[in-house]
Amino acid sequence: MISPNLRRLVVSVMCIMQDRSTTTNKGDNKVLI
């Protein structure tokens, strides 16, 4: 069984990876991640 906290962590990581892929051209947003 996957705990809700672990599931939330995975979702947050997925969102971060998507944000990183869309903001790699800007460069400034890399510092936030």
PDB file of N, CA and C in Angstrom:
ATOM      1  N   MET A   1       0.847  -1.213   0.000  1.00  0.00           N
ATOM      2  CA  MET A   1       0.000   0.000   0.000  1.00  0.00           C
ATOM      3  C   MET A   1       0.878   1.257   0.000  1.00  0.00           C
ATOM      4  N   ILE A   2       0.446   2.246  -0.753  1.00  0.00           N
ATOM      5  CA  ILE A   2       1.176   3.512  -0.803  1.00  0.00           C
ATOM      6  C   ILE A   2       0.503   4.516   0.120  1.00  0.00           C
ATOM      7  N   SER A   3       1.269   5.070   1.036  1.00  0.00           N
ATOM      8  CA  SER A   3       0.696   6.044   1.967  1.00  0.00           C
ATOM      9  C   SER A   3       0.388   7.348   1.245  1.00  0.00           C
ATOM     10  N   PRO A   4      -0.630   8.086   1.718  1.00  0.00           N
ATOM     11  CA  PRO A   4      -1.002   9.358   1.077  1.00  0.00           C
ATOM     12  C   PRO A   4       0.170  10.330   1.031  1.00  0.00           C
ATOM     13  N   ASN A   5       1.004  10.324   2.062  1.00  0.00           N
ATOM     14  CA  ASN A   5       2.145  11.241   2.078  1.00  0.00           C
ATOM     15  C   ASN A   5       3.127  10.909   0.963  1.00  0.00           C
ATOM     16  N   LEU A   6       3.371   9.621   0.758  1.00  0.00           N
ATOM     17  CA  LEU A   6       4.298   9.213  -0.290  1.00  0.00           C
ATOM     18  C   LEU A   6       3.718   9.547  -1.656  1.00  0.00           C
ATOM     19  N   ARG A   7       2.409   9.329  -1.804  1.00  0.00           N
ATOM     20  CA  ARG A   7       1.755   9.650  -3.069  1.00  0.00           C
ATOM     21  C   ARG A   7       1.859  11.145  -3.342  1.00  0.00           C
ATOM     22  N   ARG A   8       1.670  11.956  -2.307  1.00  0.00           N
ATOM     23  CA  ARG A   8       1.761  13.419  -2.474  1.00  0.00           C
ATOM     24  C   ARG A   8       3.178  13.814  -2.862  1.00  0.00           C
ATOM     25  N   LEU A   9       4.165  13.142  -2.268  1.00  0.00           N
ATOM     26  CA  LEU A   9       5.560  13.439  -2.585  1.00  0.00           C
ATOM     27  C   LEU A   9       5.856  13.124  -4.049  1.00  0.00           C
ATOM     28  N   VAL A  10       5.353  11.986  -4.520  1.00  0.00           N
ATOM     29  CA  VAL A  10       5.577  11.599  -5.912  1.00  0.00           C
ATOM     30  C   VAL A  10       4.930  12.612  -6.849  1.00  0.00           C
ATOM     31  N   VAL A  11       3.709  13.039  -6.515  1.00  0.00           N
ATOM     32  CA  VAL A  11       3.009  14.011  -7.356  1.00  0.00           C
ATOM     33  C   VAL A  11       3.773  15.330  -7.382  1.00  0.00           C
ATOM     34  N   SER A  12       4.279  15.743  -6.232  1.00  0.00           N
ATOM     35  CA  SER A  12       5.025  17.006  -6.174  1.00  0.00           C
ATOM     36  C   SER A  12       6.304  16.908  -6.997  1.00  0.00           C
ATOM     37  N   VAL A  13       6.958  15.757  -6.957  1.00  0.00           N
ATOM     38  CA  VAL A  13       8.180  15.573  -7.746  1.00  0.00           C
ATOM     39  C   VAL A  13       7.852  15.618  -9.236  1.00  0.00           C
ATOM     40  N   MET A  14       6.747  14.994  -9.616  1.00  0.00           N
ATOM     41  CA  MET A  14       6.341  15.017 -11.022  1.00  0.00           C
ATOM     42  C   MET A  14       6.097  16.447 -11.470  1.00  0.00           C
ATOM     43  N   CYS A  15       5.435  17.232 -10.614  1.00  0.00           N
ATOM     44  CA  CYS A  15       5.148  18.633 -10.952  1.00  0.00           C
ATOM     45  C   CYS A  15       6.441  19.421 -11.074  1.00  0.00           C
ATOM     46  N   ILE A  16       7.388  19.154 -10.185  1.00  0.00           N
ATOM     47  CA  ILE A  16       8.667  19.868 -10.228  1.00  0.00           C
ATOM     48  C   ILE A  16       9.407  19.532 -11.520  1.00  0.00           C
ATOM     49  N   MET A  17       9.380  18.272 -11.910  1.00  0.00           N
ATOM     50  CA  MET A  17      10.071  17.880 -13.136  1.00  0.00           C
ATOM     51  C   MET A  17       9.431  18.548 -14.347  1.00  0.00           C
ATOM     52  N   GLN A  18       8.095  18.643 -14.350  1.00  0.00           N
ATOM     53  CA  GLN A  18       7.412  19.299 -15.460  1.00  0.00           C
ATOM     54  C   GLN A  18       7.755  20.778 -15.484  1.00  0.00           C
ATOM     55  N   ASP A  19       7.790  21.406 -14.301  1.00  0.00           N
ATOM     56  CA  ASP A  19       8.124  22.832 -14.235  1.00  0.00           C
ATOM     57  C   ASP A  19       9.553  23.050 -14.715  1.00  0.00           C
ATOM     58  N   ARG A  20      10.446  22.154 -14.346  1.00  0.00           N
ATOM     59  CA  ARG A  20      11.849  22.295 -14.741  1.00  0.00           C
ATOM     60  C   ARG A  20      11.982  22.164 -16.254  1.00  0.00           C
ATOM     61  N   SER A  21      11.223  21.249 -16.853  1.00  0.00           N
ATOM     62  CA  SER A  21      11.322  21.035 -18.297  1.00  0.00           C
ATOM     63  C   SER A  21      10.772  22.235 -19.061  1.00  0.00           C
ATOM     64  N   THR A  22       9.820  22.956 -18.465  1.00  0.00           N
ATOM     65  CA  THR A  22       9.218  24.089 -19.164  1.00  0.00           C
ATOM     66  C   THR A  22       9.973  25.379 -18.885  1.00  0.00           C
ATOM     67  N   THR A  23      10.790  25.410 -17.824  1.00  0.00           N
ATOM     68  CA  THR A  23      11.458  26.661 -17.453  1.00  0.00           C
ATOM     69  C   THR A  23      12.975  26.565 -17.613  1.00  0.00           C
ATOM     70  N   THR A  24      13.464  25.554 -18.321  1.00  0.00           N
ATOM     71  CA  THR A  24      14.917  25.437 -18.474  1.00  0.00           C
ATOM     72  C   THR A  24      15.457  26.580 -19.317  1.00  0.00           C
ATOM     73  N   ASN A  25      14.654  27.121 -20.207  1.00  0.00           N
ATOM     74  CA  ASN A  25      15.120  28.198 -21.073  1.00  0.00           C
ATOM     75  C   ASN A  25      15.279  29.507 -20.311  1.00  0.00           C
ATOM     76  N   LYS A  26      14.512  29.684 -19.233  1.00  0.00           N
ATOM     77  CA  LYS A  26      14.556  30.956 -18.509  1.00  0.00           C
ATOM     78  C   LYS A  26      15.805  31.042 -17.632  1.00  0.00           C
ATOM     79  N   GLY A  27      16.161  29.957 -16.960  1.00  0.00           N
ATOM     80  CA  GLY A  27      17.380  29.953 -16.161  1.00  0.00           C
ATOM     81  C   GLY A  27      17.163  30.500 -14.762  1.00  0.00           C
ATOM     82  N   ASP A  28      16.403  31.573 -14.613  1.00  0.00           N
ATOM     83  CA  ASP A  28      16.203  32.174 -13.293  1.00  0.00           C
ATOM     84  C   ASP A  28      15.393  31.245 -12.397  1.00  0.00           C
ATOM     85  N   ASN A  29      14.470  30.496 -12.977  1.00  0.00           N
ATOM     86  CA  ASN A  29      13.603  29.630 -12.178  1.00  0.00           C
ATOM     87  C   ASN A  29      14.339  28.379 -11.701  1.00  0.00           C
ATOM     88  N   LYS A  30      15.496  28.095 -12.253  1.00  0.00           N
ATOM     89  CA  LYS A  30      16.245  26.913 -11.820  1.00  0.00           C
ATOM     90  C   LYS A  30      16.643  27.046 -10.358  1.00  0.00           C
ATOM     91  N   VAL A  31      16.897  28.261  -9.914  1.00  0.00           N
ATOM     92  CA  VAL A  31      17.343  28.472  -8.538  1.00  0.00           C
ATOM     93  C   VAL A  31      16.240  28.105  -7.553  1.00  0.00           C
ATOM     94  N   LEU A  32      14.981  28.288  -7.953  1.00  0.00           N
ATOM     95  CA  LEU A  32      13.869  28.007  -7.047  1.00  0.00           C
ATOM     96  C   LEU A  32      13.693  26.512  -6.840  1.00  0.00           C
ATOM     97  N   ILE A  33      14.093  25.712  -7.808  1.00  0.00           N
ATOM     98  CA  ILE A  33      13.834  24.275  -7.723  1.00  0.00           C
ATOM     99  C   ILE A  33      14.930  23.571  -6.920  1.00  0.00           C
TER     100      ILE A  33
END
